[in-house]
Amino acid sequence: MKSNKYMELALEQAKLAKKMGDFPFGAIIVCNGKVVGEGKCENGTIGDVTDHAEMNALRKACRKLGKNKLDDCTIYSTNEPCPMCAAAIFQAKIPKVVFGVTRDDLPNFLRPRKILMKDLAKDSGYPISIETGILKEKILEQFKDITK
């Protein structure tokens, strides 16, 4: 299944982030079967609050493709994007979002939010397909030895 293949690549980014000392969040963006952007969480190590995996992947994809409308792309993220990342994804008009684990899957790590990705998607102004649970167990494994 293609979703698993691409989520494995996002998981590789998450593992790199963890190895660097950051949280294990990773994301990639695929356009026409090719990876055009990848990112890992760097906001805890680099120091820029916007250096989330999805934001880094979006920046790279926009630069590589030379455009900011990514309506022919799919984003794969190991974790449910936060509101900042979700807003950026919607600004880019990405029609399909795939993520492995939801915030609810990590109750001892992530605080609950009243506004989730699915809620924000309803307000995006265009149709968005959201797929979850891809490689969930492999992703959760990355959090077993992490404390807040």
C-alpha atoms as a PDB file:
ATOM      1  CA  MET A   1       0.000   0.000   0.000  1.00  0.00           C
ATOM      2  CA  LYS A   2       1.373   3.413  -1.005  1.00  0.00           C
ATOM      3  CA  SER A   3       0.327   5.093   2.251  1.00  0.00           C
ATOM      4  CA  ASN A   4       2.534   2.700   4.231  1.00  0.00           C
ATOM      5  CA  LYS A   5       5.506   3.318   1.927  1.00  0.00           C
ATOM      6  CA  TYR A   6       5.270   7.077   2.312  1.00  0.00           C
ATOM      7  CA  MET A   7       4.538   6.904   6.034  1.00  0.00           C
ATOM      8  CA  GLU A   8       7.726   4.847   6.447  1.00  0.00           C
ATOM      9  CA  LEU A   9       9.611   7.801   4.953  1.00  0.00           C
ATOM     10  CA  ALA A  10       7.908  10.183   7.377  1.00  0.00           C
ATOM     11  CA  LEU A  11       8.823   7.810  10.210  1.00  0.00           C
ATOM     12  CA  GLU A  12      12.471   7.934   9.104  1.00  0.00           C
ATOM     13  CA  GLN A  13      12.306  11.716   9.535  1.00  0.00           C
ATOM     14  CA  ALA A  14      10.772  11.271  12.994  1.00  0.00           C
ATOM     15  CA  LYS A  15      13.587   8.931  13.994  1.00  0.00           C
ATOM     16  CA  LEU A  16      16.147  11.490  12.813  1.00  0.00           C
ATOM     17  CA  ALA A  17      14.453  14.162  14.916  1.00  0.00           C
ATOM     18  CA  LYS A  18      14.562  11.913  17.966  1.00  0.00           C
ATOM     19  CA  LYS A  19      18.225  11.098  17.338  1.00  0.00           C
ATOM     20  CA  MET A  20      18.948  14.854  17.254  1.00  0.00           C
ATOM     21  CA  GLY A  21      17.248  15.260  20.630  1.00  0.00           C
ATOM     22  CA  ASP A  22      13.880  16.521  19.461  1.00  0.00           C
ATOM     23  CA  PHE A  23      10.429  14.962  19.539  1.00  0.00           C
ATOM     24  CA  PRO A  24       9.885  12.153  17.007  1.00  0.00           C
ATOM     25  CA  PHE A  25       7.664  13.940  14.547  1.00  0.00           C
ATOM     26  CA  GLY A  26       8.241  13.568  10.806  1.00  0.00           C
ATOM     27  CA  ALA A  27       6.457  14.515   7.592  1.00  0.00           C
ATOM     28  CA  ILE A  28       6.843  14.211   3.848  1.00  0.00           C
ATOM     29  CA  ILE A  29       4.956  15.669   0.920  1.00  0.00           C
ATOM     30  CA  VAL A  30       4.362  13.639  -2.216  1.00  0.00           C
ATOM     31  CA  CYS A  31       3.412  14.998  -5.630  1.00  0.00           C
ATOM     32  CA  ASN A  32       2.769  12.704  -8.583  1.00  0.00           C
ATOM     33  CA  GLY A  33       4.446   9.799  -6.822  1.00  0.00           C
ATOM     34  CA  LYS A  34       7.610  11.718  -5.928  1.00  0.00           C
ATOM     35  CA  VAL A  35       8.712  13.077  -2.570  1.00  0.00           C
ATOM     36  CA  VAL A  36       8.985  16.847  -2.959  1.00  0.00           C
ATOM     37  CA  GLY A  37       9.359  17.853   0.681  1.00  0.00           C
ATOM     38  CA  GLU A  38      10.477  16.260   3.897  1.00  0.00           C
ATOM     39  CA  GLY A  39      10.738  17.553   7.408  1.00  0.00           C
ATOM     40  CA  LYS A  40      11.426  16.575  10.953  1.00  0.00           C
ATOM     41  CA  CYS A  41      10.690  18.289  14.209  1.00  0.00           C
ATOM     42  CA  GLU A  42      13.475  20.788  14.900  1.00  0.00           C
ATOM     43  CA  ASN A  43      11.749  23.395  17.045  1.00  0.00           C
ATOM     44  CA  GLY A  44      13.268  22.038  20.257  1.00  0.00           C
ATOM     45  CA  THR A  45      16.815  21.808  18.907  1.00  0.00           C
ATOM     46  CA  ILE A  46      17.100  24.568  16.304  1.00  0.00           C
ATOM     47  CA  GLY A  47      15.078  27.028  18.348  1.00  0.00           C
ATOM     48  CA  ASP A  48      12.529  28.297  15.821  1.00  0.00           C
ATOM     49  CA  VAL A  49       9.040  27.704  17.179  1.00  0.00           C
ATOM     50  CA  THR A  50       7.728  27.121  13.639  1.00  0.00           C
ATOM     51  CA  ASP A  51      10.194  24.313  12.855  1.00  0.00           C
ATOM     52  CA  HIS A  52       7.595  21.589  13.094  1.00  0.00           C
ATOM     53  CA  ALA A  53       7.947  18.594  10.755  1.00  0.00           C
ATOM     54  CA  GLU A  54       5.004  19.641   8.585  1.00  0.00           C
ATOM     55  CA  MET A  55       6.165  23.242   8.302  1.00  0.00           C
ATOM     56  CA  ASN A  56       9.650  22.141   7.253  1.00  0.00           C
ATOM     57  CA  ALA A  57       8.208  19.737   4.677  1.00  0.00           C
ATOM     58  CA  LEU A  58       5.901  22.456   3.332  1.00  0.00           C
ATOM     59  CA  ARG A  59       8.757  24.953   2.966  1.00  0.00           C
ATOM     60  CA  LYS A  60      10.846  22.437   1.034  1.00  0.00           C
ATOM     61  CA  ALA A  61       7.962  21.377  -1.211  1.00  0.00           C
ATOM     62  CA  CYS A  62       7.052  24.962  -2.066  1.00  0.00           C
ATOM     63  CA  ARG A  63      10.669  25.781  -2.904  1.00  0.00           C
ATOM     64  CA  LYS A  64      11.196  22.625  -4.942  1.00  0.00           C
ATOM     65  CA  LEU A  65       7.983  23.045  -6.931  1.00  0.00           C
ATOM     66  CA  GLY A  66       8.283  26.831  -7.179  1.00  0.00           C
ATOM     67  CA  LYS A  67       4.734  27.413  -5.994  1.00  0.00           C
ATOM     68  CA  ASN A  68       2.725  27.715  -2.810  1.00  0.00           C
ATOM     69  CA  LYS A  69      -0.444  26.009  -4.033  1.00  0.00           C
ATOM     70  CA  LEU A  70       0.130  22.294  -3.495  1.00  0.00           C
ATOM     71  CA  ASP A  71      -3.285  21.084  -4.613  1.00  0.00           C
ATOM     72  CA  ASP A  72      -1.745  18.110  -6.426  1.00  0.00           C
ATOM     73  CA  CYS A  73       0.122  16.839  -3.349  1.00  0.00           C
ATOM     74  CA  THR A  74      -0.472  14.651  -0.308  1.00  0.00           C
ATOM     75  CA  ILE A  75       1.146  15.179   3.083  1.00  0.00           C
ATOM     76  CA  TYR A  76       2.115  12.238   5.278  1.00  0.00           C
ATOM     77  CA  SER A  77       2.761  13.072   8.910  1.00  0.00           C
ATOM     78  CA  THR A  78       3.607  10.697  11.712  1.00  0.00           C
ATOM     79  CA  ASN A  79       1.421  12.665  14.119  1.00  0.00           C
ATOM     80  CA  GLU A  80      -1.747  14.698  13.883  1.00  0.00           C
ATOM     81  CA  PRO A  81      -0.726  18.188  12.767  1.00  0.00           C
ATOM     82  CA  CYS A  82      -1.115  20.974  15.314  1.00  0.00           C
ATOM     83  CA  PRO A  83      -3.368  23.966  14.489  1.00  0.00           C
ATOM     84  CA  MET A  84      -0.404  25.985  13.128  1.00  0.00           C
ATOM     85  CA  CYS A  85       0.627  23.179  10.779  1.00  0.00           C
ATOM     86  CA  ALA A  86      -2.981  22.428   9.816  1.00  0.00           C
ATOM     87  CA  ALA A  87      -3.501  26.072   8.862  1.00  0.00           C
ATOM     88  CA  ALA A  88      -0.368  26.006   6.711  1.00  0.00           C
ATOM     89  CA  ILE A  89      -1.496  22.771   5.043  1.00  0.00           C
ATOM     90  CA  PHE A  90      -4.855  24.375   4.269  1.00  0.00           C
ATOM     91  CA  GLN A  91      -3.198  27.554   2.966  1.00  0.00           C
ATOM     92  CA  ALA A  92      -1.265  25.315   0.560  1.00  0.00           C
ATOM     93  CA  LYS A  93      -4.575  23.700  -0.518  1.00  0.00           C
ATOM     94  CA  ILE A  94      -3.294  20.151   0.042  1.00  0.00           C
ATOM     95  CA  PRO A  95      -6.342  17.921  -0.551  1.00  0.00           C
ATOM     96  CA  LYS A  96      -5.163  14.771   1.266  1.00  0.00           C
ATOM     97  CA  VAL A  97      -3.660  14.530   4.749  1.00  0.00           C
ATOM     98  CA  VAL A  98      -2.445  11.192   6.079  1.00  0.00           C
ATOM     99  CA  PHE A  99      -1.190  10.795   9.626  1.00  0.00           C
ATOM    100  CA  GLY A 100      -0.269   7.877  11.809  1.00  0.00           C
ATOM    101  CA  VAL A 101      -1.323   8.784  15.318  1.00  0.00           C
ATOM    102  CA  THR A 102      -3.834  11.221  16.715  1.00  0.00           C
ATOM    103  CA  ARG A 103      -3.386  13.332  19.813  1.00  0.00           C
ATOM    104  CA  ASP A 104      -5.677  10.905  21.614  1.00  0.00           C
ATOM    105  CA  ASP A 105      -3.207   8.097  20.905  1.00  0.00           C
ATOM    106  CA  LEU A 106      -0.611   9.880  23.087  1.00  0.00           C
ATOM    107  CA  PRO A 107      -2.592  11.054  26.131  1.00  0.00           C
ATOM    108  CA  ASN A 108       0.429  10.909  28.440  1.00  0.00           C
ATOM    109  CA  PHE A 109       2.556  12.926  26.047  1.00  0.00           C
ATOM    110  CA  LEU A 110       0.348  15.467  24.260  1.00  0.00           C
ATOM    111  CA  ARG A 111      -2.194  17.635  25.987  1.00  0.00           C
ATOM    112  CA  PRO A 112      -5.767  17.343  24.764  1.00  0.00           C
ATOM    113  CA  ARG A 113      -7.009  19.965  22.321  1.00  0.00           C
ATOM    114  CA  LYS A 114     -10.543  21.162  21.781  1.00  0.00           C
ATOM    115  CA  ILE A 115      -9.843  21.837  18.104  1.00  0.00           C
ATOM    116  CA  LEU A 116      -8.511  18.902  16.116  1.00  0.00           C
ATOM    117  CA  MET A 117      -7.337  18.561  12.524  1.00  0.00           C
ATOM    118  CA  LYS A 118     -10.735  17.242  11.423  1.00  0.00           C
ATOM    119  CA  ASP A 119     -12.441  20.308  12.939  1.00  0.00           C
ATOM    120  CA  LEU A 120     -10.074  22.707  11.223  1.00  0.00           C
ATOM    121  CA  ALA A 121     -10.515  20.869   7.916  1.00  0.00           C
ATOM    122  CA  LYS A 122     -14.226  21.677   7.961  1.00  0.00           C
ATOM    123  CA  ASP A 123     -13.321  25.371   7.962  1.00  0.00           C
ATOM    124  CA  SER A 124     -10.689  25.145   5.212  1.00  0.00           C
ATOM    125  CA  GLY A 125     -12.945  26.171   2.344  1.00  0.00           C
ATOM    126  CA  TYR A 126     -12.178  23.145   0.144  1.00  0.00           C
ATOM    127  CA  PRO A 127     -12.656  19.360   0.397  1.00  0.00           C
ATOM    128  CA  ILE A 128      -9.968  17.537   2.387  1.00  0.00           C
ATOM    129  CA  SER A 129      -9.525  13.815   2.760  1.00  0.00           C
ATOM    130  CA  ILE A 130      -8.016  12.723   6.091  1.00  0.00           C
ATOM    131  CA  GLU A 131      -6.662   9.220   6.645  1.00  0.00           C
ATOM    132  CA  THR A 132      -5.358   8.126  10.049  1.00  0.00           C
ATOM    133  CA  GLY A 133      -3.853   5.094  11.736  1.00  0.00           C
ATOM    134  CA  ILE A 134      -1.148   4.348   9.152  1.00  0.00           C
ATOM    135  CA  LEU A 135       1.797   2.586  10.891  1.00  0.00           C
ATOM    136  CA  LYS A 136       0.295   3.593  14.219  1.00  0.00           C
ATOM    137  CA  GLU A 137       2.123   0.991  16.323  1.00  0.00           C
ATOM    138  CA  LYS A 138       5.524   1.741  14.757  1.00  0.00           C
ATOM    139  CA  ILE A 139       5.047   5.439  15.424  1.00  0.00           C
ATOM    140  CA  LEU A 140       3.875   4.919  19.005  1.00  0.00           C
ATOM    141  CA  GLU A 141       7.024   2.870  19.621  1.00  0.00           C
ATOM    142  CA  GLN A 142       9.066   6.070  19.182  1.00  0.00           C
ATOM    143  CA  PHE A 143       7.413   7.593  22.275  1.00  0.00           C
ATOM    144  CA  LYS A 144       7.890   4.738  24.730  1.00  0.00           C
ATOM    145  CA  ASP A 145      11.049   6.160  26.305  1.00  0.00           C
ATOM    146  CA  ILE A 146      10.120   9.861  26.149  1.00  0.00           C
ATOM    147  CA  THR A 147       8.795  11.915  29.016  1.00  0.00           C
ATOM    148  CA  LYS A 148       7.263  15.372  28.682  1.00  0.00           C
END
